[in-house]
Structures are given as structure tokens and as C-alpha cells.
Amino acid sequence: MAEADPPSGAGAAWRRRGPGVPDHTAEVAERDYLLRALAALPPRQRAVLVLRYFDDLSEAETAGVLGCSLGTVKSHAARALARLRETAGSREPGEREAAQEVRADD
């Protein structure tokens, strides 16, 4: 009787890796949570945070892009960050601890 060919394809590669593959579930959940929290912000607050912290623009550059004053950028950023902190504080304790444990393992 002929021997069966070894498994091939993407599924076989996944099976060969087995339990040694790192679990990024908590990281994906944390990113998803952040994106949902950002989406819940008012559009101008969200735009300020994205330009300041994701696009790494200065407060003055952000004000120029949005066509508003420097003070408006500062107040939108402060309010948006406060709201994100509130939202993060309301998460279940187990969710925060799991995300922190994953980051500590890296």
C-alpha cells in the first residue's frame, strides 16, 4: 500500500507551527477597542487626536490643517484624551489586566 503524501498548503503550515505561535488576541482586542473609542469621539476631537498622535503633527501644524486656532486644538485634544481615559477606566478589570500581561510578556 502506498504511503500518503505529507500534508501541504497553508493549513498544513498552521498545523506544523502548533502551540509555539504567539497569541496576539489581546493586542488585537486592545487595538479594536481603541479604534472603537476613537470612532465614538466627535469628529473634530477625533481629527485632532489622529493628526497629533498618529500623524505626529505639532499643535500648530494641526491647527493649520484644521483651519482653527492653537487654543482650539489644545482644548479638543484635552477633552478627547479625557473622554478616552474615562472610557478606558470603564472597561472590565479583567480586560485591562489581560492586555497589560500581554504587553509585559513582550
PDB file of N, CA and C in Angstrom:
ATOM      1  N   MET A   1       0.842  -1.164   0.000  1.00  0.00           N
ATOM      2  CA  MET A   1       0.000   0.000   0.000  1.00  0.00           C
ATOM      3  C   MET A   1       0.891   1.232   0.000  1.00  0.00           C
ATOM      4  N   ALA A   2       0.541   2.238  -0.798  1.00  0.00           N
ATOM      5  CA  ALA A   2       1.354   3.441  -0.933  1.00  0.00           C
ATOM      6  C   ALA A   2       1.153   4.337   0.275  1.00  0.00           C
ATOM      7  N   GLU A   3       2.256   4.992   0.666  1.00  0.00           N
ATOM      8  CA  GLU A   3       2.188   5.921   1.788  1.00  0.00           C
ATOM      9  C   GLU A   3       1.505   7.204   1.353  1.00  0.00           C
ATOM     10  N   ALA A   4       0.758   7.823   2.239  1.00  0.00           N
ATOM     11  CA  ALA A   4       0.072   9.086   1.926  1.00  0.00           C
ATOM     12  C   ALA A   4       1.089  10.207   1.845  1.00  0.00           C
ATOM     13  N   ASP A   5       0.825  11.149   0.944  1.00  0.00           N
ATOM     14  CA  ASP A   5       1.696  12.316   0.836  1.00  0.00           C
ATOM     15  C   ASP A   5       1.573  13.160   2.098  1.00  0.00           C
ATOM     16  N   PRO A   6       2.663  13.810   2.491  1.00  0.00           N
ATOM     17  CA  PRO A   6       2.567  14.691   3.658  1.00  0.00           C
ATOM     18  C   PRO A   6       1.624  15.853   3.340  1.00  0.00           C
ATOM     19  N   PRO A   7       0.959  16.390   4.354  1.00  0.00           N
ATOM     20  CA  PRO A   7       0.032  17.495   4.110  1.00  0.00           C
ATOM     21  C   PRO A   7       0.770  18.705   3.542  1.00  0.00           C
ATOM     22  N   SER A   8       0.097  19.421   2.678  1.00  0.00           N
ATOM     23  CA  SER A   8       0.704  20.614   2.105  1.00  0.00           C
ATOM     24  C   SER A   8      -0.302  21.744   2.139  1.00  0.00           C
ATOM     25  N   GLY A   9       0.151  22.945   1.844  1.00  0.00           N
ATOM     26  CA  GLY A   9      -0.737  24.102   1.810  1.00  0.00           C
ATOM     27  C   GLY A   9      -0.698  24.881   3.103  1.00  0.00           C
ATOM     28  N   ALA A  10      -1.485  25.944   3.143  1.00  0.00           N
ATOM     29  CA  ALA A  10      -1.487  26.850   4.291  1.00  0.00           C
ATOM     30  C   ALA A  10      -1.967  26.153   5.563  1.00  0.00           C
ATOM     31  N   GLY A  11      -2.958  25.308   5.447  1.00  0.00           N
ATOM     32  CA  GLY A  11      -3.467  24.609   6.621  1.00  0.00           C
ATOM     33  C   GLY A  11      -2.417  23.724   7.251  1.00  0.00           C
ATOM     34  N   ALA A  12      -1.634  23.060   6.428  1.00  0.00           N
ATOM     35  CA  ALA A  12      -0.576  22.189   6.945  1.00  0.00           C
ATOM     36  C   ALA A  12       0.489  23.001   7.663  1.00  0.00           C
ATOM     37  N   ALA A  13       0.836  24.155   7.105  1.00  0.00           N
ATOM     38  CA  ALA A  13       1.837  25.006   7.754  1.00  0.00           C
ATOM     39  C   ALA A  13       1.334  25.444   9.121  1.00  0.00           C
ATOM     40  N   TRP A  14       0.056  25.753   9.228  1.00  0.00           N
ATOM     41  CA  TRP A  14      -0.502  26.156  10.503  1.00  0.00           C
ATOM     42  C   TRP A  14      -0.406  25.024  11.512  1.00  0.00           C
ATOM     43  N   ARG A  15      -0.711  23.793  11.071  1.00  0.00           N
ATOM     44  CA  ARG A  15      -0.659  22.656  11.976  1.00  0.00           C
ATOM     45  C   ARG A  15       0.763  22.369  12.420  1.00  0.00           C
ATOM     46  N   ARG A  16       1.737  22.573  11.545  1.00  0.00           N
ATOM     47  CA  ARG A  16       3.126  22.310  11.920  1.00  0.00           C
ATOM     48  C   ARG A  16       3.620  23.295  12.978  1.00  0.00           C
ATOM     49  N   ARG A  17       3.129  24.522  12.930  1.00  0.00           N
ATOM     50  CA  ARG A  17       3.579  25.519  13.899  1.00  0.00           C
ATOM     51  C   ARG A  17       3.092  25.193  15.301  1.00  0.00           C
ATOM     52  N   GLY A  18       1.910  24.673  15.403  1.00  0.00           N
ATOM     53  CA  GLY A  18       1.377  24.229  16.672  1.00  0.00           C
ATOM     54  C   GLY A  18       1.301  25.303  17.739  1.00  0.00           C
ATOM     55  N   PRO A  19       1.468  24.915  19.004  1.00  0.00           N
ATOM     56  CA  PRO A  19       1.260  25.843  20.111  1.00  0.00           C
ATOM     57  C   PRO A  19       2.384  26.879  20.271  1.00  0.00           C
ATOM     58  N   GLY A  20       3.468  26.783  19.508  1.00  0.00           N
ATOM     59  CA  GLY A  20       4.564  27.724  19.639  1.00  0.00           C
ATOM     60  C   GLY A  20       4.278  29.093  19.036  1.00  0.00           C
ATOM     61  N   VAL A  21       3.175  29.249  18.355  1.00  0.00           N
ATOM     62  CA  VAL A  21       2.837  30.515  17.717  1.00  0.00           C
ATOM     63  C   VAL A  21       2.322  31.480  18.791  1.00  0.00           C
ATOM     64  N   PRO A  22       2.870  32.705  18.842  1.00  0.00           N
ATOM     65  CA  PRO A  22       2.407  33.652  19.870  1.00  0.00           C
ATOM     66  C   PRO A  22       0.951  34.039  19.650  1.00  0.00           C
ATOM     67  N   ASP A  23       0.249  34.246  20.740  1.00  0.00           N
ATOM     68  CA  ASP A  23      -1.158  34.629  20.700  1.00  0.00           C
ATOM     69  C   ASP A  23      -1.257  36.145  20.774  1.00  0.00           C
ATOM     70  N   HIS A  24      -1.768  36.759  19.722  1.00  0.00           N
ATOM     71  CA  HIS A  24      -1.900  38.212  19.665  1.00  0.00           C
ATOM     72  C   HIS A  24      -3.337  38.667  19.898  1.00  0.00           C
ATOM     73  N   THR A  25      -4.142  37.803  20.469  1.00  0.00           N
ATOM     74  CA  THR A  25      -5.555  38.099  20.669  1.00  0.00           C
ATOM     75  C   THR A  25      -5.761  39.355  21.500  1.00  0.00           C
ATOM     76  N   ALA A  26      -5.037  39.491  22.603  1.00  0.00           N
ATOM     77  CA  ALA A  26      -5.213  40.655  23.473  1.00  0.00           C
ATOM     78  C   ALA A  26      -4.789  41.941  22.762  1.00  0.00           C
ATOM     79  N   GLU A  27      -3.723  41.876  21.974  1.00  0.00           N
ATOM     80  CA  GLU A  27      -3.263  43.057  21.242  1.00  0.00           C
ATOM     81  C   GLU A  27      -4.304  43.490  20.214  1.00  0.00           C
ATOM     82  N   VAL A  28      -4.878  42.523  19.519  1.00  0.00           N
ATOM     83  CA  VAL A  28      -5.907  42.829  18.521  1.00  0.00           C
ATOM     84  C   VAL A  28      -7.134  43.415  19.209  1.00  0.00           C
ATOM     85  N   ALA A  29      -7.511  42.857  20.349  1.00  0.00           N
ATOM     86  CA  ALA A  29      -8.664  43.360  21.096  1.00  0.00           C
ATOM     87  C   ALA A  29      -8.398  44.784  21.584  1.00  0.00           C
ATOM     88  N   GLU A  30      -7.184  45.056  22.041  1.00  0.00           N
ATOM     89  CA  GLU A  30      -6.833  46.400  22.513  1.00  0.00           C
ATOM     90  C   GLU A  30      -6.901  47.416  21.379  1.00  0.00           C
ATOM     91  N   ARG A  31      -6.380  47.039  20.223  1.00  0.00           N
ATOM     92  CA  ARG A  31      -6.420  47.932  19.053  1.00  0.00           C
ATOM     93  C   ARG A  31      -7.865  48.179  18.610  1.00  0.00           C
ATOM     94  N   ASP A  32      -8.660  47.117  18.597  1.00  0.00           N
ATOM     95  CA  ASP A  32     -10.063  47.252  18.226  1.00  0.00           C
ATOM     96  C   ASP A  32     -10.783  48.176  19.198  1.00  0.00           C
ATOM     97  N   TYR A  33     -10.497  48.018  20.475  1.00  0.00           N
ATOM     98  CA  TYR A  33     -11.117  48.856  21.495  1.00  0.00           C
ATOM     99  C   TYR A  33     -10.738  50.327  21.282  1.00  0.00           C
ATOM    100  N   LEU A  34      -9.472  50.593  21.008  1.00  0.00           N
ATOM    101  CA  LEU A  34      -9.014  51.957  20.776  1.00  0.00           C
ATOM    102  C   LEU A  34      -9.702  52.559  19.550  1.00  0.00           C
ATOM    103  N   LEU A  35      -9.781  51.800  18.471  1.00  0.00           N
ATOM    104  CA  LEU A  35     -10.419  52.309  17.260  1.00  0.00           C
ATOM    105  C   LEU A  35     -11.900  52.604  17.483  1.00  0.00           C
ATOM    106  N   ARG A  36     -12.568  51.756  18.239  1.00  0.00           N
ATOM    107  CA  ARG A  36     -13.982  51.998  18.545  1.00  0.00           C
ATOM    108  C   ARG A  36     -14.149  53.231  19.436  1.00  0.00           C
ATOM    109  N   ALA A  37     -13.253  53.394  20.403  1.00  0.00           N
ATOM    110  CA  ALA A  37     -13.314  54.564  21.284  1.00  0.00           C
ATOM    111  C   ALA A  37     -13.054  55.839  20.490  1.00  0.00           C
ATOM    112  N   LEU A  38     -12.102  55.801  19.563  1.00  0.00           N
ATOM    113  CA  LEU A  38     -11.845  56.961  18.702  1.00  0.00           C
ATOM    114  C   LEU A  38     -13.056  57.275  17.829  1.00  0.00           C
ATOM    115  N   ALA A  39     -13.678  56.249  17.295  1.00  0.00           N
ATOM    116  CA  ALA A  39     -14.844  56.449  16.424  1.00  0.00           C
ATOM    117  C   ALA A  39     -16.008  57.078  17.183  1.00  0.00           C
ATOM    118  N   ALA A  40     -16.058  56.883  18.493  1.00  0.00           N
ATOM    119  CA  ALA A  40     -17.149  57.431  19.298  1.00  0.00           C
ATOM    120  C   ALA A  40     -16.943  58.910  19.628  1.00  0.00           C
ATOM    121  N   LEU A  41     -15.745  59.430  19.404  1.00  0.00           N
ATOM    122  CA  LEU A  41     -15.468  60.840  19.675  1.00  0.00           C
ATOM    123  C   LEU A  41     -16.133  61.719  18.622  1.00  0.00           C
ATOM    124  N   PRO A  42     -16.421  62.967  18.982  1.00  0.00           N
ATOM    125  CA  PRO A  42     -16.894  63.918  17.967  1.00  0.00           C
ATOM    126  C   PRO A  42     -15.832  64.078  16.875  1.00  0.00           C
ATOM    127  N   PRO A  43     -16.241  64.356  15.652  1.00  0.00           N
ATOM    128  CA  PRO A  43     -15.298  64.396  14.526  1.00  0.00           C
ATOM    129  C   PRO A  43     -14.094  65.314  14.716  1.00  0.00           C
ATOM    130  N   ARG A  44     -14.293  66.513  15.265  1.00  0.00           N
ATOM    131  CA  ARG A  44     -13.157  67.436  15.424  1.00  0.00           C
ATOM    132  C   ARG A  44     -12.166  66.923  16.472  1.00  0.00           C
ATOM    133  N   GLN A  45     -12.671  66.366  17.571  1.00  0.00           N
ATOM    134  CA  GLN A  45     -11.783  65.804  18.591  1.00  0.00           C
ATOM    135  C   GLN A  45     -10.997  64.631  18.016  1.00  0.00           C
ATOM    136  N   ARG A  46     -11.676  63.780  17.275  1.00  0.00           N
ATOM    137  CA  ARG A  46     -11.012  62.637  16.652  1.00  0.00           C
ATOM    138  C   ARG A  46      -9.947  63.110  15.675  1.00  0.00           C
ATOM    139  N   ALA A  47     -10.266  64.121  14.875  1.00  0.00           N
ATOM    140  CA  ALA A  47      -9.302  64.641  13.901  1.00  0.00           C
ATOM    141  C   ALA A  47      -8.065  65.189  14.603  1.00  0.00           C
ATOM    142  N   VAL A  48      -8.262  65.901  15.706  1.00  0.00           N
ATOM    143  CA  VAL A  48      -7.115  66.438  16.450  1.00  0.00           C
ATOM    144  C   VAL A  48      -6.226  65.307  16.952  1.00  0.00           C
ATOM    145  N   LEU A  49      -6.820  64.279  17.547  1.00  0.00           N
ATOM    146  CA  LEU A  49      -6.011  63.171  18.070  1.00  0.00           C
ATOM    147  C   LEU A  49      -5.270  62.437  16.956  1.00  0.00           C
ATOM    148  N   VAL A  50      -5.945  62.209  15.861  1.00  0.00           N
ATOM    149  CA  VAL A  50      -5.307  61.494  14.754  1.00  0.00           C
ATOM    150  C   VAL A  50      -4.136  62.307  14.201  1.00  0.00           C
ATOM    151  N   LEU A  51      -4.353  63.585  13.980  1.00  0.00           N
ATOM    152  CA  LEU A  51      -3.278  64.415  13.444  1.00  0.00           C
ATOM    153  C   LEU A  51      -2.126  64.562  14.435  1.00  0.00           C
ATOM    154  N   ARG A  52      -2.451  64.752  15.726  1.00  0.00           N
ATOM    155  CA  ARG A  52      -1.398  64.962  16.725  1.00  0.00           C
ATOM    156  C   ARG A  52      -0.617  63.686  17.029  1.00  0.00           C
ATOM    157  N   TYR A  53      -1.313  62.574  17.239  1.00  0.00           N
ATOM    158  CA  TYR A  53      -0.641  61.395  17.787  1.00  0.00           C
ATOM    159  C   TYR A  53      -0.403  60.286  16.777  1.00  0.00           C
ATOM    160  N   PHE A  54      -1.184  60.218  15.718  1.00  0.00           N
ATOM    161  CA  PHE A  54      -0.942  59.200  14.708  1.00  0.00           C
ATOM    162  C   PHE A  54      -0.100  59.760  13.567  1.00  0.00           C
ATOM    163  N   ASP A  55      -0.402  61.015  13.166  1.00  0.00           N
ATOM    164  CA  ASP A  55       0.379  61.648  12.097  1.00  0.00           C
ATOM    165  C   ASP A  55       1.549  62.447  12.654  1.00  0.00           C
ATOM    166  N   ASP A  56       1.628  62.567  13.984  1.00  0.00           N
ATOM    167  CA  ASP A  56       2.745  63.203  14.679  1.00  0.00           C
ATOM    168  C   ASP A  56       2.938  64.670  14.271  1.00  0.00           C
ATOM    169  N   LEU A  57       1.835  65.395  14.093  1.00  0.00           N
ATOM    170  CA  LEU A  57       1.924  66.815  13.788  1.00  0.00           C
ATOM    171  C   LEU A  57       1.993  67.610  15.090  1.00  0.00           C
ATOM    172  N   SER A  58       2.614  68.769  15.033  1.00  0.00           N
ATOM    173  CA  SER A  58       2.645  69.652  16.196  1.00  0.00           C
ATOM    174  C   SER A  58       1.261  70.272  16.383  1.00  0.00           C
ATOM    175  N   GLU A  59       1.067  70.944  17.513  1.00  0.00           N
ATOM    176  CA  GLU A  59      -0.211  71.619  17.733  1.00  0.00           C
ATOM    177  C   GLU A  59      -0.443  72.693  16.671  1.00  0.00           C
ATOM    178  N   ALA A  60       0.621  73.429  16.337  1.00  0.00           N
ATOM    179  CA  ALA A  60       0.495  74.487  15.329  1.00  0.00           C
ATOM    180  C   ALA A  60       0.178  73.904  13.952  1.00  0.00           C
ATOM    181  N   GLU A  61       0.832  72.800  13.587  1.00  0.00           N
ATOM    182  CA  GLU A  61       0.554  72.161  12.293  1.00  0.00           C
ATOM    183  C   GLU A  61      -0.872  71.630  12.244  1.00  0.00           C
ATOM    184  N   THR A  62      -1.317  71.054  13.355  1.00  0.00           N
ATOM    185  CA  THR A  62      -2.683  70.539  13.438  1.00  0.00           C
ATOM    186  C   THR A  62      -3.684  71.679  13.268  1.00  0.00           C
ATOM    187  N   ALA A  63      -3.417  72.800  13.929  1.00  0.00           N
ATOM    188  CA  ALA A  63      -4.302  73.967  13.799  1.00  0.00           C
ATOM    189  C   ALA A  63      -4.353  74.439  12.346  1.00  0.00           C
ATOM    190  N   GLY A  64      -3.208  74.424  11.668  1.00  0.00           N
ATOM    191  CA  GLY A  64      -3.176  74.833  10.269  1.00  0.00           C
ATOM    192  C   GLY A  64      -3.969  73.904   9.372  1.00  0.00           C
ATOM    193  N   VAL A  65      -3.832  72.621   9.580  1.00  0.00           N
ATOM    194  CA  VAL A  65      -4.559  71.641   8.763  1.00  0.00           C
ATOM    195  C   VAL A  65      -6.063  71.765   8.975  1.00  0.00           C
ATOM    196  N   LEU A  66      -6.468  71.975  10.225  1.00  0.00           N
ATOM    197  CA  LEU A  66      -7.898  72.038  10.534  1.00  0.00           C
ATOM    198  C   LEU A  66      -8.481  73.436  10.361  1.00  0.00           C
ATOM    199  N   GLY A  67      -7.614  74.431  10.165  1.00  0.00           N
ATOM    200  CA  GLY A  67      -8.106  75.795   9.997  1.00  0.00           C
ATOM    201  C   GLY A  67      -8.726  76.363  11.258  1.00  0.00           C
ATOM    202  N   CYS A  68      -8.098  76.094  12.398  1.00  0.00           N
ATOM    203  CA  CYS A  68      -8.601  76.605  13.666  1.00  0.00           C
ATOM    204  C   CYS A  68      -7.440  77.164  14.482  1.00  0.00           C
ATOM    205  N   SER A  69      -7.738  77.693  15.640  1.00  0.00           N
ATOM    206  CA  SER A  69      -6.694  78.286  16.471  1.00  0.00           C
ATOM    207  C   SER A  69      -5.939  77.214  17.262  1.00  0.00           C
ATOM    208  N   LEU A  70      -4.772  77.604  17.756  1.00  0.00           N
ATOM    209  CA  LEU A  70      -3.963  76.712  18.581  1.00  0.00           C
ATOM    210  C   LEU A  70      -4.718  76.330  19.854  1.00  0.00           C
ATOM    211  N   GLY A  71      -5.423  77.291  20.440  1.00  0.00           N
ATOM    212  CA  GLY A  71      -6.207  77.017  21.642  1.00  0.00           C
ATOM    213  C   GLY A  71      -7.300  75.986  21.405  1.00  0.00           C
ATOM    214  N   THR A  72      -7.909  76.037  20.225  1.00  0.00           N
ATOM    215  CA  THR A  72      -8.945  75.057  19.886  1.00  0.00           C
ATOM    216  C   THR A  72      -8.354  73.659  19.799  1.00  0.00           C
ATOM    217  N   VAL A  73      -7.170  73.556  19.193  1.00  0.00           N
ATOM    218  CA  VAL A  73      -6.500  72.248  19.109  1.00  0.00           C
ATOM    219  C   VAL A  73      -6.219  71.723  20.506  1.00  0.00           C
ATOM    220  N   LYS A  74      -5.699  72.585  21.373  1.00  0.00           N
ATOM    221  CA  LYS A  74      -5.372  72.159  22.741  1.00  0.00           C
ATOM    222  C   LYS A  74      -6.622  71.717  23.505  1.00  0.00           C
ATOM    223  N   SER A  75      -7.709  72.473  23.388  1.00  0.00           N
ATOM    224  CA  SER A  75      -8.915  72.107  24.126  1.00  0.00           C
ATOM    225  C   SER A  75      -9.548  70.834  23.570  1.00  0.00           C
ATOM    226  N   HIS A  76      -9.560  70.680  22.243  1.00  0.00           N
ATOM    227  CA  HIS A  76     -10.095  69.443  21.661  1.00  0.00           C
ATOM    228  C   HIS A  76      -9.257  68.241  22.092  1.00  0.00           C
ATOM    229  N   ALA A  77      -7.948  68.389  22.094  1.00  0.00           N
ATOM    230  CA  ALA A  77      -7.072  67.282  22.498  1.00  0.00           C
ATOM    231  C   ALA A  77      -7.306  66.921  23.961  1.00  0.00           C
ATOM    232  N   ALA A  78      -7.393  67.929  24.820  1.00  0.00           N
ATOM    233  CA  ALA A  78      -7.598  67.662  26.247  1.00  0.00           C
ATOM    234  C   ALA A  78      -8.933  66.964  26.492  1.00  0.00           C
ATOM    235  N   ARG A  79      -9.976  67.451  25.843  1.00  0.00           N
ATOM    236  CA  ARG A  79     -11.300  66.827  26.028  1.00  0.00           C
ATOM    237  C   ARG A  79     -11.344  65.411  25.471  1.00  0.00           C
ATOM    238  N   ALA A  80     -10.741  65.216  24.321  1.00  0.00           N
ATOM    239  CA  ALA A  80     -10.750  63.887  23.700  1.00  0.00           C
ATOM    240  C   ALA A  80      -9.958  62.889  24.545  1.00  0.00           C
ATOM    241  N   LEU A  81      -8.795  63.298  25.029  1.00  0.00           N
ATOM    242  CA  LEU A  81      -7.993  62.398  25.860  1.00  0.00           C
ATOM    243  C   LEU A  81      -8.707  62.084  27.170  1.00  0.00           C
ATOM    244  N   ALA A  82      -9.381  63.078  27.751  1.00  0.00           N
ATOM    245  CA  ALA A  82     -10.141  62.834  28.983  1.00  0.00           C
ATOM    246  C   ALA A  82     -11.259  61.821  28.732  1.00  0.00           C
ATOM    247  N   ARG A  83     -11.913  61.961  27.603  1.00  0.00           N
ATOM    248  CA  ARG A  83     -13.003  61.028  27.275  1.00  0.00           C
ATOM    249  C   ARG A  83     -12.460  59.616  27.044  1.00  0.00           C
ATOM    250  N   LEU A  84     -11.314  59.509  26.377  1.00  0.00           N
ATOM    251  CA  LEU A  84     -10.711  58.186  26.175  1.00  0.00           C
ATOM    252  C   LEU A  84     -10.300  57.570  27.510  1.00  0.00           C
ATOM    253  N   ARG A  85      -9.767  58.392  28.412  1.00  0.00           N
ATOM    254  CA  ARG A  85      -9.391  57.883  29.736  1.00  0.00           C
ATOM    255  C   ARG A  85     -10.612  57.387  30.492  1.00  0.00           C
ATOM    256  N   GLU A  86     -11.718  58.138  30.412  1.00  0.00           N
ATOM    257  CA  GLU A  86     -12.966  57.705  31.050  1.00  0.00           C
ATOM    258  C   GLU A  86     -13.413  56.369  30.483  1.00  0.00           C
ATOM    259  N   THR A  87     -13.383  56.269  29.176  1.00  0.00           N
ATOM    260  CA  THR A  87     -13.805  55.038  28.506  1.00  0.00           C
ATOM    261  C   THR A  87     -12.911  53.879  28.916  1.00  0.00           C
ATOM    262  N   ALA A  88     -11.619  54.114  28.951  1.00  0.00           N
ATOM    263  CA  ALA A  88     -10.675  53.050  29.329  1.00  0.00           C
ATOM    264  C   ALA A  88     -10.873  52.654  30.787  1.00  0.00           C
ATOM    265  N   GLY A  89     -11.206  53.615  31.632  1.00  0.00           N
ATOM    266  CA  GLY A  89     -11.442  53.325  33.041  1.00  0.00           C
ATOM    267  C   GLY A  89     -12.692  52.509  33.276  1.00  0.00           C
ATOM    268  N   SER A  90     -13.634  52.561  32.334  1.00  0.00           N
ATOM    269  CA  SER A  90     -14.889  51.833  32.495  1.00  0.00           C
ATOM    270  C   SER A  90     -14.810  50.407  31.968  1.00  0.00           C
ATOM    271  N   ARG A  91     -13.663  50.028  31.405  1.00  0.00           N
ATOM    272  CA  ARG A  91     -13.524  48.657  30.909  1.00  0.00           C
ATOM    273  C   ARG A  91     -13.517  47.685  32.066  1.00  0.00           C
ATOM    274  N   GLU A  92     -13.843  46.457  31.765  1.00  0.00           N
ATOM    275  CA  GLU A  92     -13.823  45.412  32.777  1.00  0.00           C
ATOM    276  C   GLU A  92     -12.388  45.230  33.273  1.00  0.00           C
ATOM    277  N   PRO A  93     -12.182  45.070  34.580  1.00  0.00           N
ATOM    278  CA  PRO A  93     -10.817  44.901  35.104  1.00  0.00           C
ATOM    279  C   PRO A  93     -10.067  43.748  34.449  1.00  0.00           C
ATOM    280  N   GLY A  94     -10.723  42.664  34.159  1.00  0.00           N
ATOM    281  CA  GLY A  94     -10.062  41.518  33.531  1.00  0.00           C
ATOM    282  C   GLY A  94      -9.521  41.843  32.154  1.00  0.00           C
ATOM    283  N   GLU A  95     -10.234  42.692  31.409  1.00  0.00           N
ATOM    284  CA  GLU A  95      -9.774  43.082  30.072  1.00  0.00           C
ATOM    285  C   GLU A  95      -8.492  43.888  30.167  1.00  0.00           C
ATOM    286  N   ARG A  96      -8.430  44.841  31.113  1.00  0.00           N
ATOM    287  CA  ARG A  96      -7.234  45.671  31.253  1.00  0.00           C
ATOM    288  C   ARG A  96      -6.045  44.829  31.699  1.00  0.00           C
ATOM    289  N   GLU A  97      -6.270  43.933  32.672  1.00  0.00           N
ATOM    290  CA  GLU A  97      -5.182  43.104  33.184  1.00  0.00           C
ATOM    291  C   GLU A  97      -4.640  42.178  32.101  1.00  0.00           C
ATOM    292  N   ALA A  98      -5.520  41.606  31.292  1.00  0.00           N
ATOM    293  CA  ALA A  98      -5.079  40.706  30.225  1.00  0.00           C
ATOM    294  C   ALA A  98      -4.231  41.461  29.222  1.00  0.00           C
ATOM    295  N   ALA A  99      -4.635  42.667  28.860  1.00  0.00           N
ATOM    296  CA  ALA A  99      -3.862  43.463  27.906  1.00  0.00           C
ATOM    297  C   ALA A  99      -2.516  43.844  28.499  1.00  0.00           C
ATOM    298  N   GLN A 100      -2.474  44.161  29.796  1.00  0.00           N
ATOM    299  CA  GLN A 100      -1.216  44.528  30.432  1.00  0.00           C
ATOM    300  C   GLN A 100      -0.284  43.337  30.524  1.00  0.00           C
ATOM    301  N   GLU A 101      -0.810  42.142  30.786  1.00  0.00           N
ATOM    302  CA  GLU A 101       0.010  40.958  30.866  1.00  0.00           C
ATOM    303  C   GLU A 101       0.656  40.652  29.521  1.00  0.00           C
ATOM    304  N   VAL A 102      -0.088  40.815  28.443  1.00  0.00           N
ATOM    305  CA  VAL A 102       0.448  40.550  27.112  1.00  0.00           C
ATOM    306  C   VAL A 102       1.593  41.519  26.826  1.00  0.00           C
ATOM    307  N   ARG A 103       1.401  42.814  27.151  1.00  0.00           N
ATOM    308  CA  ARG A 103       2.461  43.793  26.914  1.00  0.00           C
ATOM    309  C   ARG A 103       3.683  43.504  27.769  1.00  0.00           C
ATOM    310  N   ALA A 104       3.486  43.020  28.993  1.00  0.00           N
ATOM    311  CA  ALA A 104       4.612  42.722  29.883  1.00  0.00           C
ATOM    312  C   ALA A 104       5.415  41.523  29.372  1.00  0.00           C
ATOM    313  N   ASP A 105       4.750  40.595  28.685  1.00  0.00           N
ATOM    314  CA  ASP A 105       5.439  39.418  28.166  1.00  0.00           C
ATOM    315  C   ASP A 105       6.328  39.739  26.973  1.00  0.00           C
ATOM    316  N   ASP A 106       6.057  40.827  26.266  1.00  0.00           N
ATOM    317  CA  ASP A 106       6.827  41.161  25.058  1.00  0.00           C
ATOM    318  C   ASP A 106       8.240  41.582  25.364  1.00  0.00           C
TER     319      ASP A 106
END
